[in-house]
N, C-alpha and C. Protein backbone atom coordinates (compact mmCIF):
# COMPACT_ATOMS: atom_id res chain seq x y z
N UNK A 1 0.79 -1.23 -0.02
CA UNK A 1 0.00 0.00 -0.01
C UNK A 1 0.84 1.28 -0.02
N UNK A 2 1.98 1.18 0.72
CA UNK A 2 2.82 2.39 0.75
C UNK A 2 3.31 2.73 -0.63
N UNK A 3 3.66 1.72 -1.52
CA UNK A 3 4.10 2.04 -2.80
C UNK A 3 3.02 2.71 -3.62
N UNK A 4 1.73 2.33 -3.47
CA UNK A 4 0.64 2.97 -4.17
C UNK A 4 0.52 4.47 -3.65
N UNK A 5 0.54 4.65 -2.29
CA UNK A 5 0.50 5.93 -1.78
C UNK A 5 1.65 6.81 -2.35
N UNK A 6 2.85 6.34 -2.28
CA UNK A 6 3.92 7.09 -2.79
C UNK A 6 3.82 7.49 -4.25
N UNK A 7 3.31 6.44 -5.04
CA UNK A 7 3.13 6.65 -6.50
C UNK A 7 2.04 7.81 -6.71
N UNK A 8 0.92 7.62 -5.91
CA UNK A 8 -0.17 8.62 -5.93
C UNK A 8 0.44 10.02 -5.61
N UNK A 9 1.21 10.10 -4.54
CA UNK A 9 1.79 11.36 -4.11
C UNK A 9 2.68 11.96 -5.18
N UNK A 10 3.57 11.11 -5.68
CA UNK A 10 4.51 11.58 -6.70
C UNK A 10 3.75 12.01 -7.95
N UNK A 11 2.77 11.32 -8.32
CA UNK A 11 1.97 11.70 -9.56
C UNK A 11 1.33 13.05 -9.31
N UNK A 12 0.75 13.20 -8.12
CA UNK A 12 0.11 14.49 -7.75
C UNK A 12 1.10 15.59 -7.65
N UNK A 13 2.33 15.24 -7.18
CA UNK A 13 3.22 16.31 -6.99
C UNK A 13 3.71 16.78 -8.44
N UNK A 14 3.70 15.82 -9.31
CA UNK A 14 4.10 16.35 -10.75
C UNK A 14 3.06 17.25 -11.26
N UNK A 15 1.82 17.09 -10.91
CA UNK A 15 0.77 17.86 -11.41
C UNK A 15 0.78 19.35 -10.78
N UNK A 16 1.15 19.39 -9.54
CA UNK A 16 1.37 20.73 -8.86
C UNK A 16 2.75 21.20 -8.84
N UNK A 17 3.70 20.58 -9.46
CA UNK A 17 5.08 20.95 -9.39
C UNK A 17 5.28 22.34 -9.78
N UNK A 18 4.66 22.85 -10.83
CA UNK A 18 4.88 24.23 -11.17
C UNK A 18 4.54 25.27 -10.09
N UNK A 19 3.45 24.91 -9.37
CA UNK A 19 3.08 25.68 -8.24
C UNK A 19 3.94 25.70 -7.03
N UNK A 20 4.64 24.48 -6.91
CA UNK A 20 5.49 24.30 -5.67
C UNK A 20 6.96 24.07 -6.01
N UNK A 21 7.36 24.41 -7.27
CA UNK A 21 8.72 24.09 -7.65
C UNK A 21 9.65 24.75 -6.72
N UNK A 22 9.50 26.00 -6.47
CA UNK A 22 10.37 26.69 -5.52
C UNK A 22 10.42 26.13 -4.09
N UNK A 23 9.23 25.67 -3.66
CA UNK A 23 9.07 25.09 -2.35
C UNK A 23 9.83 23.82 -2.15
N UNK A 24 9.78 23.00 -3.18
CA UNK A 24 10.29 21.59 -3.03
C UNK A 24 11.72 21.53 -3.48
N UNK A 25 12.25 22.41 -4.20
CA UNK A 25 13.56 22.31 -4.81
C UNK A 25 14.62 22.48 -3.75
N UNK A 26 15.46 21.46 -3.52
CA UNK A 26 16.59 21.64 -2.61
C UNK A 26 17.65 22.48 -3.11
N UNK A 27 18.37 23.17 -2.23
CA UNK A 27 19.54 24.01 -2.63
C UNK A 27 20.77 23.15 -2.41
N UNK A 28 21.58 22.98 -3.41
CA UNK A 28 22.75 22.11 -3.25
C UNK A 28 22.33 20.59 -3.05
N UNK A 29 23.03 19.93 -2.23
CA UNK A 29 22.85 18.54 -2.07
C UNK A 29 21.88 18.19 -0.94
N UNK A 30 21.58 19.13 -0.06
CA UNK A 30 20.72 18.96 1.04
C UNK A 30 19.59 19.98 1.02
N UNK A 31 18.34 19.49 1.31
CA UNK A 31 17.25 20.50 1.39
C UNK A 31 17.39 21.44 2.54
N UNK A 32 17.05 22.60 2.45
CA UNK A 32 17.12 23.62 3.55
C UNK A 32 16.17 23.08 4.70
N UNK A 33 16.51 23.34 5.94
CA UNK A 33 15.77 22.83 7.08
C UNK A 33 15.02 24.06 7.63
N UNK A 34 13.80 23.73 8.10
CA UNK A 34 13.00 24.81 8.70
C UNK A 34 12.14 25.60 7.62
N UNK A 35 11.22 26.32 8.15
CA UNK A 35 10.35 27.10 7.28
C UNK A 35 10.72 28.58 7.35
N UNK A 36 11.13 29.16 6.22
CA UNK A 36 11.50 30.52 6.20
C UNK A 36 10.16 31.25 5.89
N UNK A 37 10.18 32.62 5.97
CA UNK A 37 8.87 33.32 5.63
C UNK A 37 8.49 33.12 4.22
N UNK A 38 9.57 33.00 3.37
CA UNK A 38 9.27 32.84 1.93
C UNK A 38 8.65 31.49 1.65
N UNK A 39 9.10 30.42 2.40
CA UNK A 39 8.59 29.09 2.27
C UNK A 39 7.16 29.03 2.69
N UNK A 40 6.86 29.79 3.83
CA UNK A 40 5.49 29.78 4.34
C UNK A 40 4.54 30.53 3.32
N UNK A 41 5.07 31.51 2.72
CA UNK A 41 4.13 32.23 1.72
C UNK A 41 3.96 31.38 0.54
N UNK A 42 5.01 30.67 0.05
CA UNK A 42 4.83 29.73 -1.03
C UNK A 42 3.87 28.54 -0.70
N UNK A 43 3.88 28.20 0.43
CA UNK A 43 2.85 27.16 0.98
C UNK A 43 1.49 27.71 0.87
N UNK A 44 1.32 28.95 1.32
CA UNK A 44 -0.03 29.64 1.27
C UNK A 44 -0.46 29.71 -0.11
N UNK A 45 0.41 30.20 -1.03
CA UNK A 45 0.00 30.34 -2.43
C UNK A 45 -0.35 29.00 -3.09
N UNK A 46 0.35 27.95 -2.78
CA UNK A 46 0.10 26.62 -3.32
C UNK A 46 -1.24 26.12 -2.74
N UNK A 47 -1.57 26.44 -1.46
CA UNK A 47 -2.84 26.01 -0.88
C UNK A 47 -4.01 26.71 -1.54
N UNK A 48 -3.78 27.99 -1.83
CA UNK A 48 -4.86 28.80 -2.54
C UNK A 48 -5.12 28.21 -3.88
N UNK A 49 -4.07 27.77 -4.58
CA UNK A 49 -4.29 27.22 -5.90
C UNK A 49 -4.93 25.80 -5.81
N UNK A 50 -4.65 25.21 -4.74
CA UNK A 50 -5.25 23.83 -4.58
C UNK A 50 -6.72 23.97 -4.33
N UNK A 51 -7.08 24.97 -3.42
CA UNK A 51 -8.58 25.18 -3.20
C UNK A 51 -9.23 25.67 -4.42
N UNK A 52 -8.62 26.56 -5.17
CA UNK A 52 -9.23 27.00 -6.47
C UNK A 52 -9.56 25.87 -7.35
N UNK A 53 -8.65 24.91 -7.39
CA UNK A 53 -8.83 23.77 -8.28
C UNK A 53 -10.02 22.89 -7.76
N UNK A 54 -10.25 22.74 -6.47
CA UNK A 54 -11.25 21.80 -5.96
C UNK A 54 -12.59 22.45 -5.72
N UNK A 55 -12.68 23.73 -5.59
CA UNK A 55 -14.04 24.40 -5.17
C UNK A 55 -15.01 24.18 -6.26
N UNK A 56 -14.81 24.13 -7.56
CA UNK A 56 -15.87 23.91 -8.48
C UNK A 56 -16.62 22.56 -8.33
N UNK A 57 -15.85 21.60 -7.72
CA UNK A 57 -16.39 20.23 -7.63
C UNK A 57 -16.89 19.99 -6.25
N UNK A 58 -16.25 20.40 -5.14
CA UNK A 58 -16.55 19.98 -3.87
C UNK A 58 -16.95 21.18 -3.01
N UNK A 59 -17.70 20.82 -1.97
CA UNK A 59 -18.00 21.84 -0.84
C UNK A 59 -16.79 22.04 0.06
N UNK A 60 -16.81 23.07 0.85
CA UNK A 60 -15.66 23.27 1.73
C UNK A 60 -15.50 22.12 2.66
N UNK A 61 -16.60 21.64 3.10
CA UNK A 61 -16.60 20.48 4.09
C UNK A 61 -15.93 19.23 3.37
N UNK A 62 -16.28 19.05 2.14
CA UNK A 62 -15.75 17.80 1.43
C UNK A 62 -14.27 18.05 1.13
N UNK A 63 -13.88 19.32 0.85
CA UNK A 63 -12.45 19.75 0.61
C UNK A 63 -11.69 19.36 1.88
N UNK A 64 -12.28 19.78 3.00
CA UNK A 64 -11.61 19.34 4.26
C UNK A 64 -11.33 17.89 4.48
N UNK A 65 -12.28 17.10 4.08
CA UNK A 65 -12.22 15.74 4.17
C UNK A 65 -11.21 15.22 3.20
N UNK A 66 -11.07 15.80 1.93
CA UNK A 66 -10.08 15.34 1.00
C UNK A 66 -8.68 15.70 1.45
N UNK A 67 -8.53 16.90 2.16
CA UNK A 67 -7.31 17.29 2.71
C UNK A 67 -6.90 16.41 3.84
N UNK A 68 -7.88 15.95 4.57
CA UNK A 68 -7.63 14.97 5.75
C UNK A 68 -7.06 13.71 5.21
N UNK A 69 -7.64 13.18 4.05
CA UNK A 69 -7.10 11.98 3.47
C UNK A 69 -5.67 12.16 2.94
N UNK A 70 -5.51 13.34 2.35
CA UNK A 70 -4.17 13.77 1.81
C UNK A 70 -3.14 13.85 2.93
N UNK A 71 -3.54 14.39 4.07
CA UNK A 71 -2.59 14.55 5.17
C UNK A 71 -2.16 13.10 5.69
N UNK A 72 -3.06 12.21 5.82
CA UNK A 72 -2.69 10.93 6.31
C UNK A 72 -1.79 10.16 5.19
N UNK A 73 -2.30 10.31 3.96
CA UNK A 73 -1.48 9.68 2.85
C UNK A 73 -0.09 10.23 2.79
N UNK A 74 0.02 11.51 2.84
CA UNK A 74 1.34 12.20 2.82
C UNK A 74 2.21 11.77 3.99
N UNK A 75 1.54 11.71 5.21
CA UNK A 75 2.45 11.24 6.37
C UNK A 75 2.87 9.79 6.18
N UNK A 76 1.98 8.99 5.72
CA UNK A 76 2.38 7.52 5.56
C UNK A 76 3.46 7.47 4.55
N UNK A 77 3.43 8.28 3.47
CA UNK A 77 4.46 8.21 2.40
C UNK A 77 5.80 8.64 2.94
N UNK A 78 5.83 9.60 3.85
CA UNK A 78 7.04 10.15 4.32
C UNK A 78 7.64 9.35 5.63
N UNK A 79 6.80 8.80 6.34
CA UNK A 79 7.17 8.17 7.54
C UNK A 79 7.19 6.66 7.46
N UNK A 80 8.38 6.06 7.62
CA UNK A 80 8.48 4.65 7.39
C UNK A 80 7.67 3.77 8.36
N UNK A 81 7.33 4.27 9.49
CA UNK A 81 6.68 3.44 10.56
C UNK A 81 5.14 3.60 10.45
N UNK A 82 4.67 4.37 9.48
CA UNK A 82 3.16 4.61 9.45
C UNK A 82 2.63 4.06 8.09
N UNK A 83 1.47 3.44 8.13
CA UNK A 83 0.84 2.92 6.95
C UNK A 83 -0.67 3.38 6.92
N UNK A 84 -1.16 3.53 5.73
CA UNK A 84 -2.63 3.83 5.63
C UNK A 84 -3.33 2.49 5.79
N UNK A 85 -4.44 2.49 6.46
CA UNK A 85 -5.30 1.34 6.59
C UNK A 85 -6.21 1.37 5.38
N UNK A 86 -6.07 0.37 4.45
CA UNK A 86 -6.87 0.43 3.27
C UNK A 86 -8.37 0.31 3.49
N UNK A 87 -8.71 -0.35 4.49
CA UNK A 87 -10.22 -0.43 4.72
C UNK A 87 -10.66 0.96 5.21
N UNK A 88 -10.01 1.56 6.01
CA UNK A 88 -10.45 3.00 6.45
C UNK A 88 -10.35 3.98 5.38
N UNK A 89 -9.35 3.85 4.48
CA UNK A 89 -9.33 4.81 3.34
C UNK A 89 -10.34 4.58 2.38
N UNK A 90 -10.67 3.40 2.10
CA UNK A 90 -11.73 2.97 1.14
C UNK A 90 -13.07 3.49 1.77
N UNK A 91 -13.29 3.33 3.02
CA UNK A 91 -14.56 3.93 3.62
C UNK A 91 -14.67 5.36 3.55
N UNK A 92 -13.48 6.01 3.67
CA UNK A 92 -13.52 7.47 3.65
C UNK A 92 -13.81 7.93 2.26
N UNK A 93 -13.18 7.33 1.26
CA UNK A 93 -13.36 7.64 -0.16
C UNK A 93 -14.84 7.36 -0.58
N UNK A 94 -15.31 6.19 -0.23
CA UNK A 94 -16.64 5.79 -0.56
C UNK A 94 -17.70 6.75 0.05
N UNK A 95 -17.55 7.14 1.26
CA UNK A 95 -18.47 8.07 1.91
C UNK A 95 -18.50 9.38 1.16
N UNK A 96 -17.47 9.90 0.80
CA UNK A 96 -17.39 11.22 0.04
C UNK A 96 -18.09 11.08 -1.43
N UNK A 97 -17.67 9.95 -2.06
CA UNK A 97 -18.16 9.64 -3.29
C UNK A 97 -19.75 9.53 -3.34
N UNK A 98 -20.28 8.77 -2.30
CA UNK A 98 -21.66 8.48 -2.16
C UNK A 98 -22.51 9.76 -2.03
N UNK A 99 -22.01 10.77 -1.30
CA UNK A 99 -22.68 11.99 -1.14
C UNK A 99 -22.86 12.74 -2.51
N UNK A 100 -21.83 12.70 -3.29
CA UNK A 100 -21.94 13.48 -4.60
C UNK A 100 -22.59 12.71 -5.69
N UNK A 101 -22.64 11.36 -5.66
CA UNK A 101 -23.08 10.56 -6.84
C UNK A 101 -24.58 10.16 -6.75
N UNK A 102 -25.18 10.37 -5.56
CA UNK A 102 -26.56 9.95 -5.48
C UNK A 102 -27.45 10.66 -6.50
N UNK A 103 -28.08 9.86 -7.35
CA UNK A 103 -28.90 10.34 -8.43
C UNK A 103 -28.23 11.02 -9.56
N UNK A 104 -26.91 10.92 -9.65
CA UNK A 104 -26.21 11.54 -10.74
C UNK A 104 -26.14 10.64 -11.99
N UNK A 105 -25.93 11.24 -13.09
CA UNK A 105 -25.88 10.47 -14.33
C UNK A 105 -24.46 9.66 -14.32
N UNK A 106 -24.40 8.59 -15.21
CA UNK A 106 -23.15 7.90 -15.25
C UNK A 106 -21.97 8.75 -15.60
N UNK A 107 -22.16 9.74 -16.40
CA UNK A 107 -21.00 10.61 -16.85
C UNK A 107 -20.58 11.48 -15.60
N UNK A 108 -21.55 11.93 -14.89
CA UNK A 108 -21.26 12.70 -13.69
C UNK A 108 -20.53 11.92 -12.67
N UNK A 109 -20.99 10.70 -12.45
CA UNK A 109 -20.40 9.78 -11.48
C UNK A 109 -18.87 9.51 -11.88
N UNK A 110 -18.71 9.28 -13.11
CA UNK A 110 -17.31 9.05 -13.63
C UNK A 110 -16.43 10.26 -13.37
N UNK A 111 -16.98 11.49 -13.63
CA UNK A 111 -16.28 12.70 -13.44
C UNK A 111 -15.89 12.89 -11.99
N UNK A 112 -16.83 12.59 -11.04
CA UNK A 112 -16.60 12.72 -9.69
C UNK A 112 -15.62 11.76 -9.14
N UNK A 113 -15.74 10.54 -9.59
CA UNK A 113 -14.73 9.41 -9.22
C UNK A 113 -13.32 9.83 -9.52
N UNK A 114 -13.19 10.33 -10.79
CA UNK A 114 -11.86 10.75 -11.28
C UNK A 114 -11.31 11.92 -10.51
N UNK A 115 -12.14 12.83 -10.32
CA UNK A 115 -11.78 14.13 -9.54
C UNK A 115 -11.44 13.77 -8.14
N UNK A 116 -12.16 12.83 -7.52
CA UNK A 116 -11.85 12.51 -6.09
C UNK A 116 -10.52 11.92 -6.00
N UNK A 117 -10.16 10.88 -6.90
CA UNK A 117 -8.88 10.28 -6.85
C UNK A 117 -7.77 11.26 -7.18
N UNK A 118 -7.98 12.20 -8.19
CA UNK A 118 -7.05 13.23 -8.57
C UNK A 118 -6.84 14.19 -7.36
N UNK A 119 -7.82 14.60 -6.85
CA UNK A 119 -7.73 15.64 -5.75
C UNK A 119 -7.06 15.08 -4.45
N UNK A 120 -7.46 13.76 -4.21
CA UNK A 120 -6.71 13.23 -2.95
C UNK A 120 -5.23 13.10 -3.28
N UNK A 121 -4.95 12.72 -4.50
CA UNK A 121 -3.59 12.53 -4.90
C UNK A 121 -2.86 13.93 -4.85
N UNK A 122 -3.50 14.93 -5.35
CA UNK A 122 -2.88 16.34 -5.31
C UNK A 122 -2.72 16.72 -3.84
N UNK A 123 -3.80 16.41 -2.99
CA UNK A 123 -3.57 16.82 -1.56
C UNK A 123 -2.48 16.12 -0.94
N UNK A 124 -2.27 14.85 -1.29
CA UNK A 124 -1.16 13.99 -0.79
C UNK A 124 0.23 14.67 -1.16
N UNK A 125 0.27 15.03 -2.47
CA UNK A 125 1.56 15.71 -2.92
C UNK A 125 1.78 17.00 -2.38
N UNK A 126 0.67 17.73 -2.05
CA UNK A 126 0.78 18.98 -1.28
C UNK A 126 1.36 18.74 0.07
N UNK A 127 0.84 17.81 0.88
CA UNK A 127 1.35 17.59 2.07
C UNK A 127 2.84 17.16 2.01
N UNK A 128 3.19 16.33 1.11
CA UNK A 128 4.56 15.97 0.94
C UNK A 128 5.53 17.16 0.68
N UNK A 129 5.13 18.02 -0.27
CA UNK A 129 5.81 19.12 -0.66
C UNK A 129 5.95 20.05 0.54
N UNK A 130 4.87 20.23 1.24
CA UNK A 130 4.82 21.25 2.36
C UNK A 130 5.62 20.79 3.55
N UNK A 131 5.94 19.62 3.63
CA UNK A 131 6.63 19.05 4.76
C UNK A 131 8.08 18.58 4.47
N UNK A 132 8.46 18.81 3.30
CA UNK A 132 9.78 18.39 2.85
C UNK A 132 10.91 18.87 3.69
N UNK A 133 10.70 20.05 4.22
CA UNK A 133 11.82 20.61 5.04
C UNK A 133 11.91 20.09 6.51
N UNK A 134 10.88 19.48 6.94
CA UNK A 134 10.94 18.91 8.32
C UNK A 134 10.07 17.68 8.47
N UNK A 135 10.49 16.70 7.75
CA UNK A 135 9.84 15.36 7.82
C UNK A 135 9.83 14.83 9.27
N UNK A 136 10.91 14.93 10.13
CA UNK A 136 10.77 14.44 11.43
C UNK A 136 9.60 15.04 12.21
N UNK A 137 9.30 16.40 12.04
CA UNK A 137 8.29 17.10 12.70
C UNK A 137 6.93 16.50 12.36
N UNK A 138 6.77 16.35 10.94
CA UNK A 138 5.43 15.67 10.43
C UNK A 138 5.30 14.36 11.01
N UNK A 139 6.36 13.53 11.06
CA UNK A 139 6.15 12.11 11.57
C UNK A 139 5.86 12.08 12.99
N UNK A 140 6.51 13.01 13.78
CA UNK A 140 6.17 13.06 15.20
C UNK A 140 4.75 13.48 15.42
N UNK A 141 4.22 14.43 14.71
CA UNK A 141 2.87 14.82 14.79
C UNK A 141 1.91 13.69 14.39
N UNK A 142 2.29 12.97 13.26
CA UNK A 142 1.44 11.86 12.89
C UNK A 142 1.47 10.76 13.79
N UNK A 143 2.54 10.43 14.44
CA UNK A 143 2.59 9.38 15.46
C UNK A 143 1.76 9.79 16.71
N UNK A 144 1.84 11.07 17.02
CA UNK A 144 1.07 11.55 18.16
C UNK A 144 -0.41 11.42 17.80
N UNK A 145 -0.84 11.79 16.63
CA UNK A 145 -2.13 11.70 16.21
C UNK A 145 -2.61 10.21 16.25
N UNK A 146 -1.81 9.37 15.83
CA UNK A 146 -2.21 7.87 15.80
C UNK A 146 -2.35 7.47 17.31
N UNK A 147 -1.52 7.88 18.27
CA UNK A 147 -1.64 7.48 19.55
C UNK A 147 -2.73 8.02 20.36
N UNK A 148 -3.12 9.30 20.05
CA UNK A 148 -4.10 10.04 20.78
C UNK A 148 -5.54 9.90 20.24
N UNK A 149 -5.69 9.77 18.90
CA UNK A 149 -6.94 9.69 18.36
C UNK A 149 -7.52 8.29 18.24
N UNK A 150 -8.75 8.10 18.65
CA UNK A 150 -9.29 6.70 18.54
C UNK A 150 -9.00 6.06 17.17
N UNK A 151 -8.77 4.80 17.11
CA UNK A 151 -8.42 4.09 15.94
C UNK A 151 -9.54 4.25 14.80
N UNK A 152 -10.70 4.46 15.16
CA UNK A 152 -11.79 4.58 14.24
C UNK A 152 -11.96 6.01 13.69
N UNK A 153 -11.11 6.94 14.16
CA UNK A 153 -11.24 8.28 13.74
C UNK A 153 -9.93 8.77 13.00
N UNK A 154 -8.95 7.87 12.70
CA UNK A 154 -7.76 8.17 11.89
C UNK A 154 -7.67 7.11 10.90
N UNK A 155 -6.83 7.43 9.85
CA UNK A 155 -6.67 6.52 8.74
C UNK A 155 -5.47 5.64 8.79
N UNK A 156 -4.70 5.76 9.87
CA UNK A 156 -3.53 4.86 9.92
C UNK A 156 -3.85 3.38 10.32
N UNK A 157 -3.04 2.56 9.75
CA UNK A 157 -3.24 1.19 10.17
C UNK A 157 -2.75 0.93 11.62
N UNK A 158 -3.56 0.13 12.36
CA UNK A 158 -3.22 -0.22 13.75
C UNK A 158 -2.83 -1.64 13.79
N UNK A 159 -1.66 -1.91 14.28
CA UNK A 159 -1.24 -3.28 14.46
C UNK A 159 -1.93 -3.82 15.73
N UNK A 160 -2.59 -4.92 15.60
CA UNK A 160 -3.22 -5.42 16.88
C UNK A 160 -2.18 -5.80 17.89
N UNK A 161 -2.37 -5.77 19.15
CA UNK A 161 -1.50 -6.16 20.17
C UNK A 161 -1.35 -7.68 20.06
N UNK A 162 -0.20 -8.21 20.30
CA UNK A 162 -0.02 -9.63 20.26
C UNK A 162 -0.89 -10.34 21.33
N UNK A 163 -1.48 -11.51 20.99
CA UNK A 163 -2.25 -12.20 21.89
C UNK A 163 -1.48 -12.72 23.12
N UNK A 164 -2.04 -12.61 24.29
CA UNK A 164 -1.36 -13.05 25.48
C UNK A 164 -1.31 -14.63 25.43
N UNK A 165 -0.22 -15.13 25.94
CA UNK A 165 0.01 -16.53 25.93
C UNK A 165 -0.61 -17.02 27.22
N UNK A 166 -1.28 -18.21 27.21
CA UNK A 166 -1.93 -18.73 28.35
C UNK A 166 -0.96 -19.28 29.37
């Protein structure tokens, strides 16, 4: 699943690369660490472009849910010890899709399905590009979220505790 998430993220990143090229481009051999004021401004501009892309298709609440999926996917792609739970992700995607496709024509359903996958992929790429300068911070936040948020309210895979021996 991580390979699919990384591929989706990279594909999305290629689509938004012109918008974030300055953000994601490392200087020299190592990427700069920390967020400069310029980097923060570029992140805001990229976010505005992302919202402009999604608003004709989705409501603000639905965009929030797409960004939620993108955050978890981006964190899982960057953090070796985190994985997306495919059942939870499928449920999240299906719930959003069902809201928009009820009573829609087959053409509209296909349009929404494609846009949903595209927008989640772009959101994933946006998260990856936005956190490239401080991956350890993102991973720490993601691990904390996994630990503090009930398992049915986050998208990370939870490894069941080993069974006690009698």
